[in-house]
Amino acid sequence: MTPEAPAIPELEKLVGSRIAEARARAGITLDRLAALTGFSKGYLSKIENSRKVPPIGSLARIAAALKTDITDLLHPPSAAPEGGLSVVRAGERRPVVRGGTAFGYDYVSLADNRRDKKMEPFLFTFPSRIDKYVFFEHEGEEFMFVLTGRVEWQAGSRKLVLEPGDSIYFDARLPHRGRALDGEATALVVTCSPKGE
């Protein structure tokens, strides 16, 4: 059975405190984090104090600047894999975030027990409705392979309909988003983000 994600408000509060803890461990001031991420000091302060919840793209940029993984900011670290091999069994996958939160989509981490990753693999469940003003953009690249359902995908001004077996690879700096057509859709999504300085 898949463990439950923390209650939504609890998760959103934990993200801010985990960012503050990671920043303190790294010995980085709020001013320095602002310079590394391009976000304002005020915005970062609101995140750390749980008054603002960053979208996943912004969280990826913060994690990269702190030289940590997104999953470290969303979940307490789990046991490190042995011998450089990370195996996450189907029943052991941990939800990262759930739809209906400020994060937007349902994400399940597929390698949360591996540290210092060069890429972040997730299982996404796309919502059928999205805010027409919400797009995600972040440093790095993204790859998506549609597993089930149909996904209306938008990157920049281009819209595509992707079906099971279709894949797309793109520059994640392009504003992007997706939504399920005809019910539910899932995809394997792998993000590669550069680590901070």
Foldseek 3Di string as FASTA:
>chain_A
DEDAAPPQLVQQQQLLCLLVVLCVVLVHDLVRLCVQQVHDSVVNVCSNRSNDGDAPQSLCSSCLQSQWHSLVSQDPADAADPPPDFAADPRHWYWRDPAPHPRHWTWIWGGRNHISDQKTKIKIKFAQDDDPPDWHAHAFKKKKAWAAAWKFKDFANDTDIDHHGDMDIGGRRTGIDIHGDPDMTIIIMMTGHHHTD
